[in-house]
C-alpha cells in the first residue's frame, strides 16, 4: 500500500471539536453578527449545454438541494442563500467571462465553477485574482495548493493509486491507458505511470483522445492488439463515452478502471448490458451508495428535481460545498473572505451522503470515505471493497500547509522526488 502519513485520527481529532462547534453554531441564530441583511450569493457556472451538459447538470441540483435545505432551516447568519446561476455552455472562455460577471456585477460571496480542468482554471484564475473563494466540485487530477481554492471531489491518491493497485492485484500487471487529451487526462495518465511504478504494473499502450472524438475503431484495434490485463480509462464528455458501446459491439470489452465514468456519466444506465461489465470505479458517491444518509440525499434531490435521470458524484460534491461554506460563514460570524477562509481552515467536517467528510486545513481537499464498485453483467453496481477513509495526503508530504503559507500553484507528480523515477 502507498504511504499515508499523518494519521486521519490525529487530523480528525482536532477537526471534530471545531466541526461540532461549527455545526452547533449553524443551528443558532447569529443574526447579531451578520454584516448585511441581504442574501448570501453563491455563483454557480455549470454546463447545461454542450458536450459536458449530461454530467454537469446534476451538479446544479446539488447546489439547489443544499440551498433549499439550509434556507428551510432559517439560512445562515439570519440571511437566505441565493443561487446565481449561469450556463457555461461547455466553453472555457465563457467560464472566464461569467466568473468576472459573477464577481464584478453580481457581487457574489463565492464562486463554484468548471467541470473540466480547463474551465476550472479559467474560472479559478479570475476568482483568485479578485480574492474571492473558489470551489471545484467534482473529481480532478489534484495537486492544486492555493489560499482561495477549495475542492470537494476525489483526487489521485484517493482514486488512481487505490484503483490501479486494486486492478493489478486482481487482473495482472498489464494496463492500457485511454485519456482525454487535455490537462485532466494528461495529469491523470502521469499518476497512472506513478501507480504502475509503485505497484509493479506495466503500461502496454497509451492514447490521448481529443475532446469531442466519437470514433474509436482504430483505438479498439490498438487495445486488442496490445492484449492488456485491464484498461485505465479517463474518457470525458458526451462524445468520448461512445467508446463503450463501440467496444462492446466489436467484442473488445476488457476489465477496466475509471475515475470518471459511471460516477459522472452513469453509462451503466444509458447503455444496454453488458457493455460496461467489469468496469471498476473507486468512488466517493454513486446513486447506488448504500446507507440511510445516501437514501435521504437522493430523496431530497429528487424532490427538488423529480426528472433528474441520475444523482451523480457532482450532485454530491456541489451539495457538500454549499454546506461547508454555510458552516464556515456561521463559524466566522461574517461572509468576509479572509475570516471565512480562517473558518474553512479550522477543521470542519460534514456528514455527507457517503459518510463523514473532513476539510483538511493544510490542503483544502477532503478526507473521503471511498469504495470500490464493480458493474456486473446486468449493469448493477456491486461494492467489492470498502477502501475506508482516505486523506488528501500527497500535498502534505511535499510540505504543503496552506494555513501557514499560500503556495498558489499546482504540483505535479514529478515535483515529488520519490516519483521522478517513474517518469515515462
Protein backbone atom coordinates (compact mmCIF):
# COMPACT_ATOMS: atom_id res chain seq x y z
CA UNK A 1 0.00 0.00 0.00
CA UNK A 2 1.07 3.57 -0.61
CA UNK A 3 2.23 5.75 2.23
CA UNK A 4 -0.43 7.73 4.07
CA UNK A 5 1.48 9.95 6.51
CA UNK A 6 -0.20 11.93 9.26
CA UNK A 7 -2.95 9.82 10.71
CA UNK A 8 -6.57 10.59 9.94
CA UNK A 9 -7.39 10.21 13.62
CA UNK A 10 -4.96 12.98 14.56
CA UNK A 11 -6.36 15.39 11.97
CA UNK A 12 -9.95 14.38 12.68
CA UNK A 13 -9.43 14.64 16.41
CA UNK A 14 -8.68 18.33 16.08
CA UNK A 15 -11.41 18.73 13.50
CA UNK A 16 -14.20 17.04 15.38
CA UNK A 17 -14.31 19.57 18.20
CA UNK A 18 -14.14 22.51 15.84
CA UNK A 19 -16.52 20.91 13.37
CA UNK A 20 -19.06 20.20 16.11
CA UNK A 21 -18.76 23.78 17.26
CA UNK A 22 -19.40 24.94 13.72
CA UNK A 23 -22.35 22.62 13.38
CA UNK A 24 -23.84 23.83 16.65
CA UNK A 25 -23.31 27.43 15.62
CA UNK A 26 -25.25 26.81 12.42
CA UNK A 27 -28.22 25.75 14.49
CA UNK A 28 -28.14 29.03 16.40
CA UNK A 29 -29.24 32.48 15.29
CA UNK A 30 -26.08 34.54 14.82
CA UNK A 31 -28.08 37.47 13.42
CA UNK A 32 -26.35 40.00 15.65
CA UNK A 33 -23.00 39.34 13.94
CA UNK A 34 -24.29 39.45 10.38
CA UNK A 35 -22.75 42.34 8.45
CA UNK A 36 -25.64 42.54 5.99
CA UNK A 37 -29.28 41.54 5.88
CA UNK A 38 -29.33 40.78 2.15
CA UNK A 39 -28.93 37.30 0.64
CA UNK A 40 -25.63 35.48 0.64
CA UNK A 41 -24.88 34.86 -3.03
CA UNK A 42 -23.39 31.68 -4.45
CA UNK A 43 -22.30 31.82 -8.09
CA UNK A 44 -22.65 28.52 -9.96
CA UNK A 45 -21.37 28.23 -13.54
CA UNK A 46 -22.38 24.80 -14.79
CA UNK A 47 -22.54 23.38 -18.30
CA UNK A 48 -26.22 22.90 -19.13
CA UNK A 49 -25.45 22.78 -22.85
CA UNK A 50 -22.57 21.49 -24.96
CA UNK A 51 -20.51 18.32 -24.69
CA UNK A 52 -20.39 18.23 -20.87
CA UNK A 53 -24.03 19.00 -20.13
CA UNK A 54 -25.02 15.41 -19.38
CA UNK A 55 -22.59 15.05 -16.49
CA UNK A 56 -22.66 18.63 -15.16
CA UNK A 57 -26.40 19.35 -14.93
CA UNK A 58 -26.71 17.17 -11.82
CA UNK A 59 -24.13 19.38 -10.07
CA UNK A 60 -26.55 22.31 -10.14
CA UNK A 61 -29.10 20.09 -8.45
CA UNK A 62 -26.61 19.56 -5.62
CA UNK A 63 -26.41 23.32 -5.05
CA UNK A 64 -30.17 23.70 -5.22
CA UNK A 65 -30.75 20.86 -2.77
CA UNK A 66 -28.31 22.23 -0.18
CA UNK A 67 -29.60 25.79 -0.51
CA UNK A 68 -33.19 24.67 -0.04
CA UNK A 69 -32.27 22.56 2.98
CA UNK A 70 -30.34 25.41 4.63
CA UNK A 71 -32.91 28.10 3.80
CA UNK A 72 -35.76 25.93 5.11
CA UNK A 73 -33.91 25.94 8.46
CA UNK A 74 -33.56 29.72 8.51
CA UNK A 75 -30.49 30.34 6.36
CA UNK A 76 -27.10 31.46 7.62
CA UNK A 77 -26.47 34.39 9.97
CA UNK A 78 -30.14 35.26 9.60
CA UNK A 79 -29.76 35.56 5.82
CA UNK A 80 -31.02 33.42 2.97
CA UNK A 81 -28.69 31.77 0.48
CA UNK A 82 -29.24 32.73 -3.16
CA UNK A 83 -28.01 30.85 -6.21
CA UNK A 84 -26.72 32.99 -9.09
CA UNK A 85 -26.63 30.53 -11.99
CA UNK A 86 -25.12 30.76 -15.48
CA UNK A 87 -24.77 28.14 -18.21
CA UNK A 88 -21.09 27.68 -19.00
CA UNK A 89 -22.07 26.01 -22.30
CA UNK A 90 -19.00 23.70 -22.11
CA UNK A 91 -16.91 26.69 -23.20
CA UNK A 92 -13.69 27.65 -21.41
CA UNK A 93 -13.73 31.34 -22.33
CA UNK A 94 -17.33 31.65 -21.22
CA UNK A 95 -16.40 30.31 -17.78
CA UNK A 96 -13.81 33.05 -17.50
CA UNK A 97 -16.22 35.78 -18.62
CA UNK A 98 -19.05 34.58 -16.40
CA UNK A 99 -16.81 34.40 -13.35
CA UNK A 100 -15.94 38.05 -13.91
CA UNK A 101 -19.65 38.85 -14.20
CA UNK A 102 -20.45 36.96 -11.00
CA UNK A 103 -17.77 38.83 -9.07
CA UNK A 104 -17.96 42.32 -10.55
CA UNK A 105 -21.65 42.63 -11.44
CA UNK A 106 -23.47 40.20 -9.17
CA UNK A 107 -21.10 40.73 -6.21
CA UNK A 108 -21.27 37.10 -5.14
CA UNK A 109 -19.70 35.74 -1.97
CA UNK A 110 -18.27 32.58 -3.53
CA UNK A 111 -17.74 31.08 -7.00
CA UNK A 112 -18.36 27.42 -7.83
CA UNK A 113 -17.49 26.74 -11.46
CA UNK A 114 -15.89 24.44 -14.01
CA UNK A 115 -16.09 20.73 -14.70
CA UNK A 116 -13.05 20.23 -16.92
CA UNK A 117 -9.62 21.26 -15.70
CA UNK A 118 -9.52 23.87 -18.50
CA UNK A 119 -12.78 25.50 -17.42
CA UNK A 120 -11.74 25.18 -13.78
CA UNK A 121 -8.50 27.05 -14.32
CA UNK A 122 -10.18 29.76 -16.41
CA UNK A 123 -12.71 30.44 -13.66
CA UNK A 124 -10.34 29.91 -10.77
CA UNK A 125 -7.78 32.39 -12.11
CA UNK A 126 -10.40 35.14 -12.14
CA UNK A 127 -11.63 34.29 -8.64
CA UNK A 128 -8.11 34.20 -7.18
CA UNK A 129 -7.15 37.45 -8.87
CA UNK A 130 -10.16 39.11 -7.25
CA UNK A 131 -9.54 37.39 -3.89
CA UNK A 132 -12.84 35.51 -3.95
CA UNK A 133 -13.27 31.99 -2.58
CA UNK A 134 -13.47 29.37 -5.33
CA UNK A 135 -14.72 25.76 -5.20
CA UNK A 136 -14.19 22.99 -7.74
CA UNK A 137 -16.89 20.41 -7.15
CA UNK A 138 -16.03 17.24 -8.99
CA UNK A 139 -13.15 14.82 -9.03
CA UNK A 140 -9.91 16.04 -10.56
CA UNK A 141 -6.22 15.49 -11.11
CA UNK A 142 -5.28 17.11 -7.80
CA UNK A 143 -2.15 18.99 -6.82
CA UNK A 144 -3.63 22.49 -6.51
CA UNK A 145 -2.48 24.32 -3.39
CA UNK A 146 -3.98 27.80 -3.18
CA UNK A 147 -5.25 30.10 -0.45
CA UNK A 148 -8.58 30.85 -2.17
CA UNK A 149 -9.25 27.44 -3.75
CA UNK A 150 -11.18 24.53 -2.22
CA UNK A 151 -12.17 21.10 -3.52
CA UNK A 152 -14.84 18.51 -2.76
CA UNK A 153 -14.03 15.81 -5.33
CA UNK A 154 -11.72 12.81 -5.03
CA UNK A 155 -8.10 13.21 -6.18
CA UNK A 156 -5.40 10.76 -7.40
CA UNK A 157 -4.32 9.38 -4.03
CA UNK A 158 -7.99 8.58 -3.36
CA UNK A 159 -8.83 7.11 -6.78
CA UNK A 160 -5.91 6.44 -9.13
CA UNK A 161 -3.41 4.97 -6.67
CA UNK A 162 -6.06 2.88 -4.91
CA UNK A 163 -7.76 1.88 -8.17
CA UNK A 164 -4.64 0.83 -10.09
CA UNK A 165 -3.30 -1.08 -7.09
CA UNK A 166 -6.58 -2.99 -6.83
CA UNK A 167 -6.67 -3.81 -10.55
CA UNK A 168 -3.07 -5.06 -10.65
CA UNK A 169 -3.73 -7.39 -7.74
CA UNK A 170 -6.94 -8.72 -9.28
CA UNK A 171 -6.17 -8.92 -13.00
CA UNK A 172 -2.40 -8.68 -13.53
CA UNK A 173 0.19 -6.01 -14.30
CA UNK A 174 -0.51 -5.02 -17.92
CA UNK A 175 -2.66 -1.94 -18.48
CA UNK A 176 -3.73 0.26 -21.41
CA UNK A 177 -4.44 3.95 -20.80
CA UNK A 178 -7.10 5.89 -22.70
CA UNK A 179 -7.25 9.51 -21.56
CA UNK A 180 -8.90 12.72 -22.73
CA UNK A 181 -6.28 14.92 -24.36
CA UNK A 182 -6.23 17.92 -22.02
CA UNK A 183 -4.96 18.76 -18.56
CA UNK A 184 -7.05 16.34 -16.51
CA UNK A 185 -6.42 13.37 -18.79
CA UNK A 186 -2.72 14.10 -19.20
CA UNK A 187 -2.03 14.51 -15.48
CA UNK A 188 -4.20 11.50 -14.62
CA UNK A 189 -2.10 9.45 -17.06
CA UNK A 190 1.06 10.65 -15.30
CA UNK A 191 -0.39 9.49 -11.98
CA UNK A 192 -1.16 6.14 -13.62
CA UNK A 193 2.52 5.80 -14.53
CA UNK A 194 3.34 6.50 -10.89
CA UNK A 195 0.84 3.88 -9.73
CA UNK A 196 2.24 1.34 -12.19
CA UNK A 197 5.73 2.00 -10.84
CA UNK A 198 4.68 1.75 -7.23
CA UNK A 199 2.69 -1.46 -7.56
CA UNK A 200 4.57 -3.42 -10.22
CA UNK A 201 2.39 -2.60 -13.21
CA UNK A 202 3.28 -2.38 -16.89
CA UNK A 203 1.77 0.11 -19.32
CA UNK A 204 1.42 -1.66 -22.69
CA UNK A 205 -0.29 1.20 -24.51
CA UNK A 206 -1.39 4.78 -24.05
CA UNK A 207 -3.59 7.05 -26.16
CA UNK A 208 -4.78 10.61 -25.64
CA UNK A 209 -8.17 11.16 -27.23
CA UNK A 210 -9.18 14.65 -28.49
CA UNK A 211 -12.22 16.13 -26.78
CA UNK A 212 -15.26 15.61 -28.99
CA UNK A 213 -13.90 12.45 -30.62
CA UNK A 214 -16.57 9.79 -31.10
CA UNK A 215 -14.93 7.28 -33.46
CA UNK A 216 -12.94 4.52 -31.77
CA UNK A 217 -12.37 1.89 -34.46
CA UNK A 218 -8.59 2.39 -34.57
CA UNK A 219 -8.30 2.68 -30.79
CA UNK A 220 -10.27 -0.52 -30.23
CA UNK A 221 -7.97 -2.35 -32.64
CA UNK A 222 -4.92 -1.00 -30.80
CA UNK A 223 -6.24 -2.17 -27.44
CA UNK A 224 -6.99 -5.63 -28.81
CA UNK A 225 -3.50 -5.90 -30.28
CA UNK A 226 -1.80 -4.90 -27.01
CA UNK A 227 -3.70 -7.56 -25.00
CA UNK A 228 -3.72 -5.72 -21.64
CA UNK A 229 -4.95 -7.32 -18.46
CA UNK A 230 -7.14 -4.27 -17.90
CA UNK A 231 -7.79 -0.75 -19.12
CA UNK A 232 -7.44 2.56 -17.29
CA UNK A 233 -9.90 4.98 -18.85
CA UNK A 234 -10.17 8.74 -18.35
CA UNK A 235 -12.75 9.48 -21.06
CA UNK A 236 -14.88 12.59 -20.59
CA UNK A 237 -17.74 14.33 -22.37
CA UNK A 238 -20.71 13.01 -24.31
CA UNK A 239 -18.72 12.18 -27.45
CA UNK A 240 -15.95 10.20 -25.75
CA UNK A 241 -18.42 7.98 -23.93
CA UNK A 242 -19.12 6.35 -27.32
CA UNK A 243 -16.05 4.18 -26.75
CA UNK A 244 -18.06 1.80 -24.60
CA UNK A 245 -20.87 0.75 -26.95
CA UNK A 246 -18.40 0.60 -29.85
CA UNK A 247 -16.01 -1.63 -27.90
CA UNK A 248 -18.91 -3.86 -26.86
CA UNK A 249 -20.12 -4.13 -30.47
CA UNK A 250 -16.60 -5.15 -31.51
CA UNK A 251 -16.37 -7.77 -28.78
CA UNK A 252 -13.43 -5.89 -27.30
CA UNK A 253 -14.53 -5.36 -23.73
CA UNK A 254 -11.90 -5.86 -21.04
CA UNK A 255 -11.89 -5.22 -17.30
CA UNK A 256 -11.29 -1.51 -16.79
CA UNK A 257 -10.90 1.08 -14.07
CA UNK A 258 -12.11 4.66 -14.37
CA UNK A 259 -12.18 7.66 -12.06
CA UNK A 260 -14.82 9.45 -14.13
CA UNK A 261 -17.10 7.01 -15.90
CA UNK A 262 -20.17 5.62 -14.12
CA UNK A 263 -19.92 8.10 -11.24
CA UNK A 264 -20.38 11.06 -13.59
CA UNK A 265 -21.82 9.81 -16.88
CA UNK A 266 -23.85 6.86 -15.48
CA UNK A 267 -23.03 4.82 -18.57
CA UNK A 268 -24.33 1.68 -16.86
CA UNK A 269 -27.79 3.25 -17.01
CA UNK A 270 -27.51 4.69 -20.52
CA UNK A 271 -26.04 1.74 -22.44
CA UNK A 272 -27.56 -1.75 -22.61
CA UNK A 273 -25.79 -4.51 -20.67
CA UNK A 274 -23.26 -5.99 -20.74
CA UNK A 275 -21.32 -3.10 -22.41
CA UNK A 276 -19.96 -1.88 -19.05
CA UNK A 277 -19.45 -5.29 -17.46
CA UNK A 278 -16.33 -5.37 -15.26
CA UNK A 279 -15.94 -1.61 -15.11
CA UNK A 280 -14.40 -0.84 -11.71
CA UNK A 281 -14.81 2.60 -10.13
CA UNK A 282 -13.13 3.86 -6.94
CA UNK A 283 -15.89 6.26 -5.97
CA UNK A 284 -16.95 8.79 -3.39
CA UNK A 285 -20.57 8.68 -4.47
CA UNK A 286 -22.94 6.87 -6.78
CA UNK A 287 -26.70 6.97 -6.62
CA UNK A 288 -26.43 3.35 -5.52
CA UNK A 289 -24.26 4.23 -2.49
CA UNK A 290 -25.63 2.28 0.49
CA UNK A 291 -26.87 3.73 3.75
CA UNK A 292 -29.59 5.94 5.19
CA UNK A 293 -27.68 9.18 4.51
CA UNK A 294 -27.42 8.38 0.79
CA UNK A 295 -31.09 7.42 0.60
CA UNK A 296 -32.09 10.65 2.34
CA UNK A 297 -29.91 12.70 0.00
CA UNK A 298 -31.31 11.04 -3.12
CA UNK A 299 -34.84 11.64 -1.86
CA UNK A 300 -34.17 15.34 -1.15
CA UNK A 301 -32.56 15.87 -4.55
CA UNK A 302 -35.44 14.22 -6.40
CA UNK A 303 -37.90 16.36 -4.51
CA UNK A 304 -36.10 19.38 -5.95
CA UNK A 305 -35.96 17.88 -9.46
CA UNK A 306 -38.00 14.69 -9.96
CA UNK A 307 -36.82 14.46 -13.58
CA UNK A 308 -33.09 14.16 -12.84
CA UNK A 309 -32.00 10.93 -14.57
CA UNK A 310 -29.18 10.13 -12.13
CA UNK A 311 -27.82 11.53 -8.86
CA UNK A 312 -24.11 11.56 -9.64
CA UNK A 313 -20.84 12.37 -7.91
CA UNK A 314 -21.12 16.02 -8.93
CA UNK A 315 -24.54 16.32 -7.26
CA UNK A 316 -22.95 15.15 -4.05
CA UNK A 317 -19.91 17.42 -4.48
CA UNK A 318 -21.97 20.57 -5.02
CA UNK A 319 -24.18 19.73 -2.05
CA UNK A 320 -21.18 19.32 0.25
CA UNK A 321 -19.53 22.57 -0.90
CA UNK A 322 -22.58 24.67 -0.04
CA UNK A 323 -22.89 23.07 3.39
CA UNK A 324 -19.21 23.61 4.18
CA UNK A 325 -19.48 27.27 3.14
CA UNK A 326 -22.56 27.65 5.35
CA UNK A 327 -20.68 26.15 8.30
CA UNK A 328 -17.72 28.45 7.67
CA UNK A 329 -19.82 31.63 7.37
CA UNK A 330 -21.66 30.75 10.56
CA UNK A 331 -18.46 29.99 12.43
CA UNK A 332 -16.80 33.18 11.17
CA UNK A 333 -19.87 35.24 12.01
CA UNK A 334 -19.40 37.07 8.70
CA UNK A 335 -19.11 36.50 4.95
CA UNK A 336 -15.87 38.50 4.78
CA UNK A 337 -13.42 36.46 2.72
CA UNK A 338 -10.38 36.17 4.99
CA UNK A 339 -12.39 35.41 8.10
CA UNK A 340 -14.34 32.80 6.14
CA UNK A 341 -11.11 31.17 4.93
CA UNK A 342 -9.89 31.01 8.53
CA UNK A 343 -13.12 29.20 9.40
CA UNK A 344 -12.73 26.84 6.44
CA UNK A 345 -9.25 26.03 7.73
CA UNK A 346 -10.43 25.48 11.30
CA UNK A 347 -11.17 21.76 10.97
CA UNK A 348 -14.69 21.47 9.57
CA UNK A 349 -16.48 18.21 8.96
CA UNK A 350 -19.84 17.44 7.42
CA UNK A 351 -21.98 14.31 7.40
CA UNK A 352 -22.14 13.87 3.65
CA UNK A 353 -24.30 11.43 1.68
CA UNK A 354 -21.47 8.85 1.56
CA UNK A 355 -20.34 9.36 5.16
CA UNK A 356 -18.46 11.99 7.11
CA UNK A 357 -16.04 14.21 5.18
CA UNK A 358 -13.30 16.32 6.75
CA UNK A 359 -11.98 19.51 5.13
CA UNK A 360 -8.21 19.26 5.50
CA UNK A 361 -6.89 22.67 6.60
CA UNK A 362 -3.45 22.11 5.07
CA UNK A 363 -4.55 21.19 1.54
CA UNK A 364 -8.16 22.43 1.17
CA UNK A 365 -9.21 18.95 -0.02
CA UNK A 366 -11.45 16.40 1.68
CA UNK A 367 -10.85 13.22 3.59
CA UNK A 368 -13.43 10.94 1.96
CA UNK A 369 -14.93 7.52 2.58
CA UNK A 370 -14.05 5.69 -0.66
CA UNK A 371 -15.44 2.43 -2.02
CA UNK A 372 -14.59 0.24 -5.00
CA UNK A 373 -17.57 -0.54 -7.20
CA UNK A 374 -17.93 -3.06 -10.00
CA UNK A 375 -20.53 -3.07 -12.76
CA UNK A 376 -21.82 -6.61 -13.25
CA UNK A 377 -23.28 -8.23 -16.36
CA UNK A 378 -26.73 -6.79 -15.54
CA UNK A 379 -25.22 -3.29 -15.12
CA UNK A 380 -25.86 -3.35 -11.40
CA UNK A 381 -23.35 -1.80 -9.01
CA UNK A 382 -21.59 -4.23 -6.70
CA UNK A 383 -19.39 -2.83 -3.94
CA UNK A 384 -16.40 -5.17 -3.96
CA UNK A 385 -14.24 -3.40 -1.38
CA UNK A 386 -14.61 -0.70 1.25
CA UNK A 387 -11.45 1.40 0.83
CA UNK A 388 -12.09 3.32 4.05
CA UNK A 389 -11.42 6.97 4.80
CA UNK A 390 -8.62 8.24 2.59
CA UNK A 391 -6.92 11.53 3.34
CA UNK A 392 -5.62 14.03 0.78
CA UNK A 393 -2.15 13.12 1.96
CA UNK A 394 0.13 13.71 -1.01
CA UNK A 395 0.48 17.53 -0.86
CA UNK A 396 1.22 17.32 2.84
CA UNK A 397 4.18 15.02 2.12
CA UNK A 398 5.60 17.81 -0.06
CA UNK A 399 5.42 20.20 2.88
CA UNK A 400 2.26 22.00 1.80
CA UNK A 401 0.40 23.67 4.66
CA UNK A 402 -1.93 26.39 3.39
CA UNK A 403 -2.69 27.52 6.91
CA UNK A 404 0.91 28.70 7.18
CA UNK A 405 1.80 29.52 3.55
CA UNK A 406 0.00 30.10 0.28
CA UNK A 407 1.69 28.06 -2.46
CA UNK A 408 -0.50 29.49 -5.25
CA UNK A 409 0.38 26.71 -7.70
CA UNK A 410 -0.45 23.24 -8.93
CA UNK A 411 2.01 20.48 -8.04
CA UNK A 412 2.57 17.59 -10.46
CA UNK A 413 3.86 14.10 -9.62
CA UNK A 414 7.32 14.99 -10.89
CA UNK A 415 7.57 17.67 -8.21
CA UNK A 416 7.88 14.72 -5.84
CA UNK A 417 11.44 13.30 -5.97
CA UNK A 418 10.10 9.89 -4.92
CA UNK A 419 8.13 9.66 -8.17
CA UNK A 420 10.60 11.11 -10.66
CA UNK A 421 11.96 7.65 -11.49
CA UNK A 422 8.55 6.63 -12.88
CA UNK A 423 8.52 9.38 -15.48
CA UNK A 424 7.87 7.89 -18.88
